[in-house]
C-alpha atoms as a PDB file:
ATOM      1  CA  UNK A   1      14.331 -42.936 -12.917  1.00  0.00           C
ATOM      2  CA  UNK A   2      16.303 -40.421 -10.919  1.00  0.00           C
ATOM      3  CA  UNK A   3      16.643 -40.818  -7.193  1.00  0.00           C
ATOM      4  CA  UNK A   4      15.733 -37.747  -5.136  1.00  0.00           C
ATOM      5  CA  UNK A   5      19.362 -37.099  -4.237  1.00  0.00           C
ATOM      6  CA  UNK A   6      20.157 -36.895  -7.966  1.00  0.00           C
ATOM      7  CA  UNK A   7      17.608 -34.119  -8.365  1.00  0.00           C
ATOM      8  CA  UNK A   8      19.095 -32.186  -5.437  1.00  0.00           C
ATOM      9  CA  UNK A   9      22.611 -32.503  -6.889  1.00  0.00           C
ATOM     10  CA  UNK A  10      21.421 -31.386 -10.343  1.00  0.00           C
ATOM     11  CA  UNK A  11      19.706 -28.351  -8.773  1.00  0.00           C
ATOM     12  CA  UNK A  12      22.890 -27.554  -6.845  1.00  0.00           C
ATOM     13  CA  UNK A  13      25.019 -27.704  -9.989  1.00  0.00           C
ATOM     14  CA  UNK A  14      22.589 -25.434 -11.859  1.00  0.00           C
ATOM     15  CA  UNK A  15      22.623 -22.935  -8.986  1.00  0.00           C
ATOM     16  CA  UNK A  16      26.434 -22.962  -8.809  1.00  0.00           C
ATOM     17  CA  UNK A  17      26.624 -22.300 -12.559  1.00  0.00           C
ATOM     18  CA  UNK A  18      24.143 -19.423 -12.252  1.00  0.00           C
ATOM     19  CA  UNK A  19      26.219 -18.031  -9.368  1.00  0.00           C
ATOM     20  CA  UNK A  20      29.101 -17.579 -11.806  1.00  0.00           C
ATOM     21  CA  UNK A  21      26.843 -15.389 -13.955  1.00  0.00           C
ATOM     22  CA  UNK A  22      25.327 -13.447 -11.037  1.00  0.00           C
ATOM     23  CA  UNK A  23      28.047 -13.194  -8.365  1.00  0.00           C
ATOM     24  CA  UNK A  24      26.493 -12.344  -5.009  1.00  0.00           C
ATOM     25  CA  UNK A  25      26.801 -15.720  -3.251  1.00  0.00           C
ATOM     26  CA  UNK A  26      23.015 -15.943  -2.922  1.00  0.00           C
ATOM     27  CA  UNK A  27      22.462 -18.658  -5.524  1.00  0.00           C
ATOM     28  CA  UNK A  28      25.493 -20.538  -4.196  1.00  0.00           C
ATOM     29  CA  UNK A  29      23.867 -20.465  -0.752  1.00  0.00           C
ATOM     30  CA  UNK A  30      20.809 -22.153  -2.221  1.00  0.00           C
ATOM     31  CA  UNK A  31      23.164 -24.600  -3.938  1.00  0.00           C
ATOM     32  CA  UNK A  32      24.730 -25.499  -0.591  1.00  0.00           C
ATOM     33  CA  UNK A  33      21.224 -26.041   0.783  1.00  0.00           C
ATOM     34  CA  UNK A  34      20.623 -28.452  -2.111  1.00  0.00           C
ATOM     35  CA  UNK A  35      23.814 -30.347  -1.216  1.00  0.00           C
ATOM     36  CA  UNK A  36      22.612 -30.751   2.385  1.00  0.00           C
ATOM     37  CA  UNK A  37      19.288 -32.041   1.031  1.00  0.00           C
ATOM     38  CA  UNK A  38      21.092 -34.454  -1.284  1.00  0.00           C
ATOM     39  CA  UNK A  39      22.946 -35.885   1.715  1.00  0.00           C
ATOM     40  CA  UNK A  40      19.709 -36.334   3.665  1.00  0.00           C
ATOM     41  CA  UNK A  41      18.088 -37.949   0.621  1.00  0.00           C
ATOM     42  CA  UNK A  42      21.103 -40.230   0.223  1.00  0.00           C
ATOM     43  CA  UNK A  43      20.653 -41.344   3.829  1.00  0.00           C
ATOM     44  CA  UNK A  44      17.093 -42.388   2.939  1.00  0.00           C
ATOM     45  CA  UNK A  45      15.334 -39.697   4.979  1.00  0.00           C
ATOM     46  CA  UNK A  46      11.905 -38.396   3.904  1.00  0.00           C
ATOM     47  CA  UNK A  47      11.018 -35.329   1.882  1.00  0.00           C
ATOM     48  CA  UNK A  48      10.168 -33.268   4.995  1.00  0.00           C
ATOM     49  CA  UNK A  49      13.677 -33.823   6.363  1.00  0.00           C
ATOM     50  CA  UNK A  50      15.143 -33.041   2.950  1.00  0.00           C
ATOM     51  CA  UNK A  51      13.280 -29.719   2.802  1.00  0.00           C
ATOM     52  CA  UNK A  52      14.303 -28.943   6.383  1.00  0.00           C
ATOM     53  CA  UNK A  53      17.909 -29.734   5.402  1.00  0.00           C
ATOM     54  CA  UNK A  54      17.575 -27.417   2.394  1.00  0.00           C
ATOM     55  CA  UNK A  55      16.281 -24.585   4.574  1.00  0.00           C
ATOM     56  CA  UNK A  56      18.902 -25.133   7.275  1.00  0.00           C
ATOM     57  CA  UNK A  57      21.761 -25.412   4.760  1.00  0.00           C
ATOM     58  CA  UNK A  58      20.654 -22.299   2.887  1.00  0.00           C
ATOM     59  CA  UNK A  59      20.256 -20.219   6.059  1.00  0.00           C
ATOM     60  CA  UNK A  60      23.624 -21.414   7.378  1.00  0.00           C
ATOM     61  CA  UNK A  61      25.310 -20.487   4.087  1.00  0.00           C
ATOM     62  CA  UNK A  62      23.556 -17.104   3.826  1.00  0.00           C
ATOM     63  CA  UNK A  63      24.360 -15.997   7.354  1.00  0.00           C
ATOM     64  CA  UNK A  64      27.523 -17.987   8.033  1.00  0.00           C
ATOM     65  CA  UNK A  65      29.522 -18.150   4.824  1.00  0.00           C
ATOM     66  CA  UNK A  66      28.135 -15.302   2.662  1.00  0.00           C
ATOM     67  CA  UNK A  67      29.424 -12.477   4.931  1.00  0.00           C
ATOM     68  CA  UNK A  68      32.940 -13.928   4.650  1.00  0.00           C
ATOM     69  CA  UNK A  69      32.741 -14.034   0.844  1.00  0.00           C
ATOM     70  CA  UNK A  70      31.249 -10.567   0.493  1.00  0.00           C
ATOM     71  CA  UNK A  71      33.864  -9.089   2.836  1.00  0.00           C
ATOM     72  CA  UNK A  72      36.949 -10.717   1.354  1.00  0.00           C
ATOM     73  CA  UNK A  73      36.123 -11.813  -2.189  1.00  0.00           C
ATOM     74  CA  UNK A  74      33.894  -9.046  -3.542  1.00  0.00           C
ATOM     75  CA  UNK A  75      35.847  -6.108  -2.179  1.00  0.00           C
ATOM     76  CA  UNK A  76      36.006  -3.028  -4.367  1.00  0.00           C
ATOM     77  CA  UNK A  77      39.456  -2.131  -5.567  1.00  0.00           C
ATOM     78  CA  UNK A  78      40.165   1.426  -4.392  1.00  0.00           C
ATOM     79  CA  UNK A  79      42.900   2.030  -6.965  1.00  0.00           C
ATOM     80  CA  UNK A  80      40.865   1.003 -10.002  1.00  0.00           C
ATOM     81  CA  UNK A  81      38.588   3.639 -11.516  1.00  0.00           C
ATOM     82  CA  UNK A  82      35.746   2.754 -13.854  1.00  0.00           C
ATOM     83  CA  UNK A  83      33.121   4.512 -15.949  1.00  0.00           C
ATOM     84  CA  UNK A  84      33.272   8.321 -15.910  1.00  0.00           C
ATOM     85  CA  UNK A  85      35.731   8.338 -12.981  1.00  0.00           C
ATOM     86  CA  UNK A  86      38.283   6.799 -15.341  1.00  0.00           C
ATOM     87  CA  UNK A  87      38.025   9.813 -17.675  1.00  0.00           C
ATOM     88  CA  UNK A  88      39.742  12.210 -15.272  1.00  0.00           C
ATOM     89  CA  UNK A  89      43.369  12.594 -16.312  1.00  0.00           C
ATOM     90  CA  UNK A  90      42.842  11.256 -19.854  1.00  0.00           C
ATOM     91  CA  UNK A  91      43.761  13.207 -22.951  1.00  0.00           C
ATOM     92  CA  UNK A  92      41.246  14.185 -25.600  1.00  0.00           C
ATOM     93  CA  UNK A  93      41.103  16.093 -28.888  1.00  0.00           C
ATOM     94  CA  UNK A  94      38.831  19.108 -29.396  1.00  0.00           C
ATOM     95  CA  UNK A  95      36.389  18.492 -32.270  1.00  0.00           C
ATOM     96  CA  UNK A  96      34.467  21.783 -31.850  1.00  0.00           C
ATOM     97  CA  UNK A  97      36.001  24.973 -30.466  1.00  0.00           C
ATOM     98  CA  UNK A  98      35.420  25.272 -26.728  1.00  0.00           C
ATOM     99  CA  UNK A  99      33.947  28.688 -25.948  1.00  0.00           C
ATOM    100  CA  UNK A 100      32.004  28.959 -22.696  1.00  0.00           C
ATOM    101  CA  UNK A 101      30.422  32.303 -23.712  1.00  0.00           C
ATOM    102  CA  UNK A 102      28.906  30.715 -26.818  1.00  0.00           C
ATOM    103  CA  UNK A 103      28.105  27.465 -24.969  1.00  0.00           C
ATOM    104  CA  UNK A 104      30.028  25.488 -27.567  1.00  0.00           C
ATOM    105  CA  UNK A 105      32.643  22.801 -27.377  1.00  0.00           C
ATOM    106  CA  UNK A 106      33.038  19.095 -28.016  1.00  0.00           C
ATOM    107  CA  UNK A 107      35.884  16.739 -27.168  1.00  0.00           C
ATOM    108  CA  UNK A 108      36.688  13.246 -28.415  1.00  0.00           C
ATOM    109  CA  UNK A 109      38.015  11.065 -25.572  1.00  0.00           C
ATOM    110  CA  UNK A 110      38.747   7.391 -26.163  1.00  0.00           C
ATOM    111  CA  UNK A 111      36.335   7.260 -29.098  1.00  0.00           C
ATOM    112  CA  UNK A 112      33.490   8.964 -27.195  1.00  0.00           C
ATOM    113  CA  UNK A 113      32.228  12.450 -27.992  1.00  0.00           C
ATOM    114  CA  UNK A 114      31.616  14.681 -24.943  1.00  0.00           C
ATOM    115  CA  UNK A 115      30.245  18.185 -24.402  1.00  0.00           C
ATOM    116  CA  UNK A 116      33.230  20.148 -23.101  1.00  0.00           C
ATOM    117  CA  UNK A 117      33.675  23.173 -20.857  1.00  0.00           C
ATOM    118  CA  UNK A 118      36.984  24.900 -20.273  1.00  0.00           C
ATOM    119  CA  UNK A 119      37.991  24.597 -16.612  1.00  0.00           C
ATOM    120  CA  UNK A 120      39.653  28.036 -16.627  1.00  0.00           C
ATOM    121  CA  UNK A 121      37.176  29.770 -18.958  1.00  0.00           C
ATOM    122  CA  UNK A 122      39.624  30.101 -21.842  1.00  0.00           C
ATOM    123  CA  UNK A 123      38.815  29.454 -25.489  1.00  0.00           C
ATOM    124  CA  UNK A 124      40.340  26.216 -26.799  1.00  0.00           C
ATOM    125  CA  UNK A 125      40.810  25.854 -30.556  1.00  0.00           C
ATOM    126  CA  UNK A 126      39.549  22.919 -32.619  1.00  0.00           C
ATOM    127  CA  UNK A 127      42.205  20.205 -32.988  1.00  0.00           C
ATOM    128  CA  UNK A 128      43.924  21.078 -29.682  1.00  0.00           C
ATOM    129  CA  UNK A 129      44.775  18.436 -27.131  1.00  0.00           C
ATOM    130  CA  UNK A 130      43.133  18.735 -23.721  1.00  0.00           C
ATOM    131  CA  UNK A 131      43.267  16.936 -20.399  1.00  0.00           C
ATOM    132  CA  UNK A 132      40.050  15.960 -18.637  1.00  0.00           C
ATOM    133  CA  UNK A 133      40.025  17.486 -15.138  1.00  0.00           C
ATOM    134  CA  UNK A 134      36.444  16.714 -14.127  1.00  0.00           C
ATOM    135  CA  UNK A 135      33.139  15.192 -15.177  1.00  0.00           C
ATOM    136  CA  UNK A 136      29.674  16.464 -14.308  1.00  0.00           C
ATOM    137  CA  UNK A 137      26.716  14.697 -15.865  1.00  0.00           C
ATOM    138  CA  UNK A 138      27.313  14.574 -19.616  1.00  0.00           C
ATOM    139  CA  UNK A 139      29.890  17.367 -19.615  1.00  0.00           C
ATOM    140  CA  UNK A 140      33.650  17.161 -19.175  1.00  0.00           C
ATOM    141  CA  UNK A 141      35.774  19.969 -17.782  1.00  0.00           C
ATOM    142  CA  UNK A 142      39.048  20.297 -19.628  1.00  0.00           C
ATOM    143  CA  UNK A 143      42.294  22.230 -19.585  1.00  0.00           C
ATOM    144  CA  UNK A 144      44.385  22.813 -22.669  1.00  0.00           C
ATOM    145  CA  UNK A 145      47.678  20.981 -22.976  1.00  0.00           C
ATOM    146  CA  UNK A 146      50.352  23.427 -24.073  1.00  0.00           C
ATOM    147  CA  UNK A 147      53.021  21.875 -26.320  1.00  0.00           C
END
């Protein structure tokens, strides 16, 4: 049969593993609370003290350690663009003539097909290369690349 400190350690390990999948240092805070409870259980203290140790360890981790981790470890990288922000500056190929008067135009960018609008209002022929200069909703604004 498992001793109570074994159960606390197993719970802590499970929470630390889940923290890897959901990085926010919340589950790890609960895991640290479980470690404190495992220590109290190992000292032979009762379940009420173990639960109090769990609560105290979790609160200490949430308010003492978590701000440090969120400030220094989960910082956004200002030079790294993702999602639609990464499209600006990329080159695409026109798959349907871009004509703003006719509300037509499609561009293939990185394997994705986008509704395209000419940034300067000019007509861009099918097969031309374009540069993405902006994104708004599901539309990209492009300028023709002159060879």
